[in-house]
Amino acid sequence: MNDTIKNVLYELVERAKKNKEHEASFDLIGIVNNSDQVRSFTNQLKDEGFITNINIYGKTHFSCNVTEKAFEHFKEEGMK
């Protein structure tokens, strides 16, 4: 996993901690330029089992549910 994806996932985990449904949203402005690139980006996280229920809004924004696997990933790496 490259650093950009890892940083976005970390931010999603932090946002998802704030609600019991583990929902989070993120704007990839400056990282991607269109919704196809957002889809490619989110598919990487989905394929790894870190996020589910992805919704893409506009050209750069998406929302999703963060999985327990994502929470565990950062717990193992020592990030809270």
PDB file of N, CA and C in Angstrom:
ATOM      1  N   MET A   1       0.856  -1.169   0.000  1.00  0.00           N
ATOM      2  CA  MET A   1       0.000   0.000   0.000  1.00  0.00           C
ATOM      3  C   MET A   1       0.904   1.235   0.000  1.00  0.00           C
ATOM      4  N   ASN A   2       0.667   2.135  -0.964  1.00  0.00           N
ATOM      5  CA  ASN A   2       1.517   3.324  -1.004  1.00  0.00           C
ATOM      6  C   ASN A   2       1.130   4.313   0.101  1.00  0.00           C
ATOM      7  N   ASP A   3       1.987   5.275   0.335  1.00  0.00           N
ATOM      8  CA  ASP A   3       1.795   6.215   1.448  1.00  0.00           C
ATOM      9  C   ASP A   3       0.525   7.038   1.316  1.00  0.00           C
ATOM     10  N   THR A   4       0.161   7.431   0.105  1.00  0.00           N
ATOM     11  CA  THR A   4      -1.045   8.236  -0.087  1.00  0.00           C
ATOM     12  C   THR A   4      -2.281   7.454   0.333  1.00  0.00           C
ATOM     13  N   ILE A   5      -2.377   6.221  -0.132  1.00  0.00           N
ATOM     14  CA  ILE A   5      -3.528   5.389   0.226  1.00  0.00           C
ATOM     15  C   ILE A   5      -3.534   5.117   1.726  1.00  0.00           C
ATOM     16  N   LYS A   6      -2.380   4.846   2.280  1.00  0.00           N
ATOM     17  CA  LYS A   6      -2.280   4.580   3.718  1.00  0.00           C
ATOM     18  C   LYS A   6      -2.722   5.803   4.534  1.00  0.00           C
ATOM     19  N   ASN A   7      -2.325   6.988   4.119  1.00  0.00           N
ATOM     20  CA  ASN A   7      -2.715   8.213   4.822  1.00  0.00           C
ATOM     21  C   ASN A   7      -4.216   8.459   4.738  1.00  0.00           C
ATOM     22  N   VAL A   8      -4.793   8.222   3.569  1.00  0.00           N
ATOM     23  CA  VAL A   8      -6.245   8.383   3.414  1.00  0.00           C
ATOM     24  C   VAL A   8      -6.970   7.364   4.286  1.00  0.00           C
ATOM     25  N   LEU A   9      -6.512   6.128   4.272  1.00  0.00           N
ATOM     26  CA  LEU A   9      -7.144   5.097   5.102  1.00  0.00           C
ATOM     27  C   LEU A   9      -7.060   5.465   6.577  1.00  0.00           C
ATOM     28  N   TYR A  10      -5.917   5.963   7.019  1.00  0.00           N
ATOM     29  CA  TYR A  10      -5.775   6.377   8.411  1.00  0.00           C
ATOM     30  C   TYR A  10      -6.796   7.467   8.752  1.00  0.00           C
ATOM     31  N   GLU A  11      -6.942   8.436   7.863  1.00  0.00           N
ATOM     32  CA  GLU A  11      -7.908   9.514   8.086  1.00  0.00           C
ATOM     33  C   GLU A  11      -9.339   8.969   8.108  1.00  0.00           C
ATOM     34  N   LEU A  12      -9.648   8.022   7.228  1.00  0.00           N
ATOM     35  CA  LEU A  12     -10.971   7.401   7.236  1.00  0.00           C
ATOM     36  C   LEU A  12     -11.227   6.681   8.562  1.00  0.00           C
ATOM     37  N   VAL A  13     -10.228   5.966   9.068  1.00  0.00           N
ATOM     38  CA  VAL A  13     -10.365   5.268  10.348  1.00  0.00           C
ATOM     39  C   VAL A  13     -10.639   6.269  11.461  1.00  0.00           C
ATOM     40  N   GLU A  14      -9.900   7.355  11.477  1.00  0.00           N
ATOM     41  CA  GLU A  14     -10.099   8.381  12.510  1.00  0.00           C
ATOM     42  C   GLU A  14     -11.510   8.964  12.451  1.00  0.00           C
ATOM     43  N   ARG A  15     -11.999   9.212  11.256  1.00  0.00           N
ATOM     44  CA  ARG A  15     -13.352   9.762  11.101  1.00  0.00           C
ATOM     45  C   ARG A  15     -14.411   8.729  11.457  1.00  0.00           C
ATOM     46  N   ALA A  16     -14.166   7.475  11.113  1.00  0.00           N
ATOM     47  CA  ALA A  16     -15.138   6.410  11.373  1.00  0.00           C
ATOM     48  C   ALA A  16     -15.274   6.102  12.859  1.00  0.00           C
ATOM     49  N   LYS A  17     -14.254   6.378  13.639  1.00  0.00           N
ATOM     50  CA  LYS A  17     -14.305   6.148  15.085  1.00  0.00           C
ATOM     51  C   LYS A  17     -15.390   6.988  15.752  1.00  0.00           C
ATOM     52  N   LYS A  18     -15.810   8.040  15.089  1.00  0.00           N
ATOM     53  CA  LYS A  18     -16.724   9.003  15.696  1.00  0.00           C
ATOM     54  C   LYS A  18     -18.191   8.604  15.600  1.00  0.00           C
ATOM     55  N   ASN A  19     -18.497   7.471  14.948  1.00  0.00           N
ATOM     56  CA  ASN A  19     -19.884   7.042  14.871  1.00  0.00           C
ATOM     57  C   ASN A  19     -19.968   5.523  14.874  1.00  0.00           C
ATOM     58  N   LYS A  20     -21.060   5.013  15.393  1.00  0.00           N
ATOM     59  CA  LYS A  20     -21.176   3.567  15.570  1.00  0.00           C
ATOM     60  C   LYS A  20     -21.337   2.801  14.262  1.00  0.00           C
ATOM     61  N   GLU A  21     -21.728   3.471  13.195  1.00  0.00           N
ATOM     62  CA  GLU A  21     -21.853   2.811  11.886  1.00  0.00           C
ATOM     63  C   GLU A  21     -20.522   2.758  11.157  1.00  0.00           C
ATOM     64  N   HIS A  22     -19.506   3.406  11.713  1.00  0.00           N
ATOM     65  CA  HIS A  22     -18.168   3.478  11.117  1.00  0.00           C
ATOM     66  C   HIS A  22     -18.209   4.086   9.716  1.00  0.00           C
ATOM     67  N   GLU A  23     -19.037   5.099   9.552  1.00  0.00           N
ATOM     68  CA  GLU A  23     -19.117   5.811   8.279  1.00  0.00           C
ATOM     69  C   GLU A  23     -18.060   6.909   8.248  1.00  0.00           C
ATOM     70  N   ALA A  24     -17.558   7.159   7.055  1.00  0.00           N
ATOM     71  CA  ALA A  24     -16.581   8.226   6.883  1.00  0.00           C
ATOM     72  C   ALA A  24     -16.673   8.742   5.456  1.00  0.00           C
ATOM     73  N   SER A  25     -16.263   9.978   5.272  1.00  0.00           N
ATOM     74  CA  SER A  25     -16.200  10.532   3.925  1.00  0.00           C
ATOM     75  C   SER A  25     -14.869  11.245   3.771  1.00  0.00           C
ATOM     76  N   PHE A  26     -14.474  11.408   2.523  1.00  0.00           N
ATOM     77  CA  PHE A  26     -13.178  12.012   2.252  1.00  0.00           C
ATOM     78  C   PHE A  26     -13.224  12.675   0.886  1.00  0.00           C
ATOM     79  N   ASP A  27     -12.526  13.785   0.753  1.00  0.00           N
ATOM     80  CA  ASP A  27     -12.407  14.469  -0.518  1.00  0.00           C
ATOM     81  C   ASP A  27     -10.977  14.311  -1.009  1.00  0.00           C
ATOM     82  N   LEU A  28     -10.824  13.666  -2.149  1.00  0.00           N
ATOM     83  CA  LEU A  28      -9.508  13.384  -2.722  1.00  0.00           C
ATOM     84  C   LEU A  28      -9.015  14.501  -3.628  1.00  0.00           C
ATOM     85  N   ILE A  29      -9.524  15.708  -3.437  1.00  0.00           N
ATOM     86  CA  ILE A  29      -9.095  16.840  -4.260  1.00  0.00           C
ATOM     87  C   ILE A  29      -7.582  17.010  -4.111  1.00  0.00           C
ATOM     88  N   GLY A  30      -6.907  17.201  -5.204  1.00  0.00           N
ATOM     89  CA  GLY A  30      -5.456  17.304  -5.194  1.00  0.00           C
ATOM     90  C   GLY A  30      -4.760  15.962  -5.342  1.00  0.00           C
ATOM     91  N   ILE A  31      -5.512  14.888  -5.183  1.00  0.00           N
ATOM     92  CA  ILE A  31      -4.962  13.536  -5.332  1.00  0.00           C
ATOM     93  C   ILE A  31      -5.452  12.917  -6.639  1.00  0.00           C
ATOM     94  N   VAL A  32      -6.737  13.132  -6.931  1.00  0.00           N
ATOM     95  CA  VAL A  32      -7.332  12.630  -8.168  1.00  0.00           C
ATOM     96  C   VAL A  32      -8.044  13.772  -8.886  1.00  0.00           C
ATOM     97  N   ASN A  33      -8.377  13.539 -10.157  1.00  0.00           N
ATOM     98  CA  ASN A  33      -9.009  14.594 -10.953  1.00  0.00           C
ATOM     99  C   ASN A  33     -10.431  14.284 -11.391  1.00  0.00           C
ATOM    100  N   ASN A  34     -10.859  13.029 -11.299  1.00  0.00           N
ATOM    101  CA  ASN A  34     -12.214  12.700 -11.740  1.00  0.00           C
ATOM    102  C   ASN A  34     -12.742  11.468 -11.018  1.00  0.00           C
ATOM    103  N   SER A  35     -14.026  11.208 -11.204  1.00  0.00           N
ATOM    104  CA  SER A  35     -14.671  10.124 -10.467  1.00  0.00           C
ATOM    105  C   SER A  35     -14.120   8.749 -10.850  1.00  0.00           C
ATOM    106  N   ASP A  36     -13.625   8.579 -12.078  1.00  0.00           N
ATOM    107  CA  ASP A  36     -13.011   7.298 -12.443  1.00  0.00           C
ATOM    108  C   ASP A  36     -11.761   7.038 -11.614  1.00  0.00           C
ATOM    109  N   GLN A  37     -10.986   8.083 -11.344  1.00  0.00           N
ATOM    110  CA  GLN A  37      -9.803   7.936 -10.510  1.00  0.00           C
ATOM    111  C   GLN A  37     -10.192   7.677  -9.054  1.00  0.00           C
ATOM    112  N   VAL A  38     -11.286   8.297  -8.602  1.00  0.00           N
ATOM    113  CA  VAL A  38     -11.787   8.028  -7.247  1.00  0.00           C
ATOM    114  C   VAL A  38     -12.169   6.556  -7.151  1.00  0.00           C
ATOM    115  N   ARG A  39     -12.870   6.063  -8.162  1.00  0.00           N
ATOM    116  CA  ARG A  39     -13.299   4.669  -8.179  1.00  0.00           C
ATOM    117  C   ARG A  39     -12.084   3.728  -8.129  1.00  0.00           C
ATOM    118  N   SER A  40     -11.068   4.028  -8.886  1.00  0.00           N
ATOM    119  CA  SER A  40      -9.849   3.224  -8.873  1.00  0.00           C
ATOM    120  C   SER A  40      -9.209   3.243  -7.487  1.00  0.00           C
ATOM    121  N   PHE A  41      -9.143   4.423  -6.891  1.00  0.00           N
ATOM    122  CA  PHE A  41      -8.562   4.609  -5.563  1.00  0.00           C
ATOM    123  C   PHE A  41      -9.345   3.811  -4.519  1.00  0.00           C
ATOM    124  N   THR A  42     -10.676   3.967  -4.521  1.00  0.00           N
ATOM    125  CA  THR A  42     -11.499   3.276  -3.520  1.00  0.00           C
ATOM    126  C   THR A  42     -11.524   1.772  -3.758  1.00  0.00           C
ATOM    127  N   ASN A  43     -11.430   1.347  -5.014  1.00  0.00           N
ATOM    128  CA  ASN A  43     -11.403  -0.089  -5.292  1.00  0.00           C
ATOM    129  C   ASN A  43     -10.187  -0.755  -4.670  1.00  0.00           C
ATOM    130  N   GLN A  44      -9.082  -0.050  -4.611  1.00  0.00           N
ATOM    131  CA  GLN A  44      -7.889  -0.614  -3.964  1.00  0.00           C
ATOM    132  C   GLN A  44      -8.163  -0.890  -2.486  1.00  0.00           C
ATOM    133  N   LEU A  45      -8.805   0.068  -1.821  1.00  0.00           N
ATOM    134  CA  LEU A  45      -9.132  -0.103  -0.402  1.00  0.00           C
ATOM    135  C   LEU A  45     -10.199  -1.178  -0.218  1.00  0.00           C
ATOM    136  N   LYS A  46     -11.172  -1.219  -1.124  1.00  0.00           N
ATOM    137  CA  LYS A  46     -12.229  -2.227  -1.060  1.00  0.00           C
ATOM    138  C   LYS A  46     -11.651  -3.623  -1.280  1.00  0.00           C
ATOM    139  N   ASP A  47     -10.783  -3.763  -2.279  1.00  0.00           N
ATOM    140  CA  ASP A  47     -10.184  -5.065  -2.584  1.00  0.00           C
ATOM    141  C   ASP A  47      -9.351  -5.601  -1.425  1.00  0.00           C
ATOM    142  N   GLU A  48      -8.768  -4.708  -0.653  1.00  0.00           N
ATOM    143  CA  GLU A  48      -7.990  -5.108   0.524  1.00  0.00           C
ATOM    144  C   GLU A  48      -8.897  -5.411   1.724  1.00  0.00           C
ATOM    145  N   GLY A  49     -10.197  -5.111   1.599  1.00  0.00           N
ATOM    146  CA  GLY A  49     -11.138  -5.373   2.678  1.00  0.00           C
ATOM    147  C   GLY A  49     -11.193  -4.296   3.733  1.00  0.00           C
ATOM    148  N   PHE A  50     -10.714  -3.084   3.406  1.00  0.00           N
ATOM    149  CA  PHE A  50     -10.684  -1.995   4.383  1.00  0.00           C
ATOM    150  C   PHE A  50     -11.949  -1.134   4.397  1.00  0.00           C
ATOM    151  N   ILE A  51     -12.665  -1.068   3.270  1.00  0.00           N
ATOM    152  CA  ILE A  51     -13.883  -0.253   3.209  1.00  0.00           C
ATOM    153  C   ILE A  51     -14.971  -0.998   2.440  1.00  0.00           C
ATOM    154  N   THR A  52     -16.220  -0.620   2.713  1.00  0.00           N
ATOM    155  CA  THR A  52     -17.382  -1.174   2.016  1.00  0.00           C
ATOM    156  C   THR A  52     -18.371  -0.041   1.753  1.00  0.00           C
ATOM    157  N   ASN A  53     -19.448  -0.346   1.055  1.00  0.00           N
ATOM    158  CA  ASN A  53     -20.550   0.606   0.828  1.00  0.00           C
ATOM    159  C   ASN A  53     -20.058   1.964   0.333  1.00  0.00           C
ATOM    160  N   ILE A  54     -19.356   1.962  -0.764  1.00  0.00           N
ATOM    161  CA  ILE A  54     -18.746   3.177  -1.304  1.00  0.00           C
ATOM    162  C   ILE A  54     -19.749   3.964  -2.139  1.00  0.00           C
ATOM    163  N   ASN A  55     -19.809   5.258  -1.891  1.00  0.00           N
ATOM    164  CA  ASN A  55     -20.608   6.186  -2.698  1.00  0.00           C
ATOM    165  C   ASN A  55     -19.685   7.305  -3.155  1.00  0.00           C
ATOM    166  N   ILE A  56     -19.713   7.584  -4.450  1.00  0.00           N
ATOM    167  CA  ILE A  56     -18.865   8.640  -5.008  1.00  0.00           C
ATOM    168  C   ILE A  56     -19.744   9.834  -5.354  1.00  0.00           C
ATOM    169  N   TYR A  57     -19.294  11.020  -4.934  1.00  0.00           N
ATOM    170  CA  TYR A  57     -20.029  12.257  -5.155  1.00  0.00           C
ATOM    171  C   TYR A  57     -19.150  13.217  -5.941  1.00  0.00           C
ATOM    172  N   GLY A  58     -19.640  13.696  -7.053  1.00  0.00           N
ATOM    173  CA  GLY A  58     -18.869  14.647  -7.844  1.00  0.00           C
ATOM    174  C   GLY A  58     -17.606  14.025  -8.389  1.00  0.00           C
ATOM    175  N   LYS A  59     -16.572  14.845  -8.515  1.00  0.00           N
ATOM    176  CA  LYS A  59     -15.327  14.383  -9.130  1.00  0.00           C
ATOM    177  C   LYS A  59     -14.305  13.850  -8.146  1.00  0.00           C
ATOM    178  N   THR A  60     -14.389  14.228  -6.876  1.00  0.00           N
ATOM    179  CA  THR A  60     -13.313  13.849  -5.954  1.00  0.00           C
ATOM    180  C   THR A  60     -13.770  13.338  -4.594  1.00  0.00           C
ATOM    181  N   HIS A  61     -15.034  13.395  -4.277  1.00  0.00           N
ATOM    182  CA  HIS A  61     -15.521  13.087  -2.925  1.00  0.00           C
ATOM    183  C   HIS A  61     -16.165  11.701  -2.876  1.00  0.00           C
ATOM    184  N   PHE A  62     -15.938  10.981  -1.768  1.00  0.00           N
ATOM    185  CA  PHE A  62     -16.596   9.693  -1.580  1.00  0.00           C
ATOM    186  C   PHE A  62     -16.906   9.475  -0.107  1.00  0.00           C
ATOM    187  N   SER A  63     -17.842   8.574   0.127  1.00  0.00           N
ATOM    188  CA  SER A  63     -18.138   8.141   1.492  1.00  0.00           C
ATOM    189  C   SER A  63     -18.123   6.618   1.490  1.00  0.00           C
ATOM    190  N   CYS A  64     -17.966   6.050   2.679  1.00  0.00           N
ATOM    191  CA  CYS A  64     -17.880   4.596   2.794  1.00  0.00           C
ATOM    192  C   CYS A  64     -18.075   4.186   4.244  1.00  0.00           C
ATOM    193  N   ASN A  65     -18.100   2.884   4.458  1.00  0.00           N
ATOM    194  CA  ASN A  65     -18.040   2.319   5.796  1.00  0.00           C
ATOM    195  C   ASN A  65     -16.656   1.699   5.955  1.00  0.00           C
ATOM    196  N   VAL A  66     -16.035   1.960   7.076  1.00  0.00           N
ATOM    197  CA  VAL A  66     -14.706   1.434   7.365  1.00  0.00           C
ATOM    198  C   VAL A  66     -14.879   0.108   8.104  1.00  0.00           C
ATOM    199  N   THR A  67     -14.133  -0.904   7.693  1.00  0.00           N
ATOM    200  CA  THR A  67     -14.268  -2.242   8.275  1.00  0.00           C
ATOM    201  C   THR A  67     -13.383  -2.412   9.512  1.00  0.00           C
ATOM    202  N   GLU A  68     -13.684  -3.451  10.249  1.00  0.00           N
ATOM    203  CA  GLU A  68     -12.864  -3.788  11.417  1.00  0.00           C
ATOM    204  C   GLU A  68     -11.427  -4.090  10.997  1.00  0.00           C
ATOM    205  N   LYS A  69     -11.261  -4.643   9.809  1.00  0.00           N
ATOM    206  CA  LYS A  69      -9.916  -4.938   9.310  1.00  0.00           C
ATOM    207  C   LYS A  69      -9.068  -3.663   9.255  1.00  0.00           C
ATOM    208  N   ALA A  70      -9.664  -2.560   8.849  1.00  0.00           N
ATOM    209  CA  ALA A  70      -8.936  -1.286   8.792  1.00  0.00           C
ATOM    210  C   ALA A  70      -8.553  -0.822  10.189  1.00  0.00           C
ATOM    211  N   PHE A  71      -9.478  -0.954  11.140  1.00  0.00           N
ATOM    212  CA  PHE A  71      -9.165  -0.579  12.523  1.00  0.00           C
ATOM    213  C   PHE A  71      -8.021  -1.439  13.066  1.00  0.00           C
ATOM    214  N   GLU A  72      -8.076  -2.725  12.791  1.00  0.00           N
ATOM    215  CA  GLU A  72      -7.042  -3.644  13.249  1.00  0.00           C
ATOM    216  C   GLU A  72      -5.692  -3.331  12.593  1.00  0.00           C
ATOM    217  N   HIS A  73      -5.722  -2.957  11.332  1.00  0.00           N
ATOM    218  CA  HIS A  73      -4.498  -2.643  10.599  1.00  0.00           C
ATOM    219  C   HIS A  73      -3.701  -1.542  11.326  1.00  0.00           C
ATOM    220  N   PHE A  74      -4.407  -0.510  11.755  1.00  0.00           N
ATOM    221  CA  PHE A  74      -3.712   0.589  12.419  1.00  0.00           C
ATOM    222  C   PHE A  74      -3.413   0.280  13.880  1.00  0.00           C
ATOM    223  N   LYS A  75      -4.189  -0.574  14.482  1.00  0.00           N
ATOM    224  CA  LYS A  75      -3.890  -0.996  15.853  1.00  0.00           C
ATOM    225  C   LYS A  75      -2.582  -1.777  15.863  1.00  0.00           C
ATOM    226  N   GLU A  76      -2.397  -2.653  14.873  1.00  0.00           N
ATOM    227  CA  GLU A  76      -1.181  -3.450  14.769  1.00  0.00           C
ATOM    228  C   GLU A  76       0.037  -2.593  14.491  1.00  0.00           C
ATOM    229  N   GLU A  77      -0.148  -1.492  13.774  1.00  0.00           N
ATOM    230  CA  GLU A  77       0.972  -0.613  13.443  1.00  0.00           C
ATOM    231  C   GLU A  77       1.274   0.376  14.559  1.00  0.00           C
ATOM    232  N   GLY A  78       0.503   0.319  15.629  1.00  0.00           N
ATOM    233  CA  GLY A  78       0.750   1.188  16.761  1.00  0.00           C
ATOM    234  C   GLY A  78       0.158   2.569  16.628  1.00  0.00           C
ATOM    235  N   MET A  79      -0.737   2.765  15.670  1.00  0.00           N
ATOM    236  CA  MET A  79      -1.387   4.067  15.506  1.00  0.00           C
ATOM    237  C   MET A  79      -2.747   4.004  16.203  1.00  0.00           C
ATOM    238  N   LYS A  80      -3.071   5.046  16.928  1.00  0.00           N
ATOM    239  CA  LYS A  80      -4.345   5.077  17.633  1.00  0.00           C
ATOM    240  C   LYS A  80      -5.308   5.981  16.933  1.00  0.00           C
TER     241      LYS A  80
END
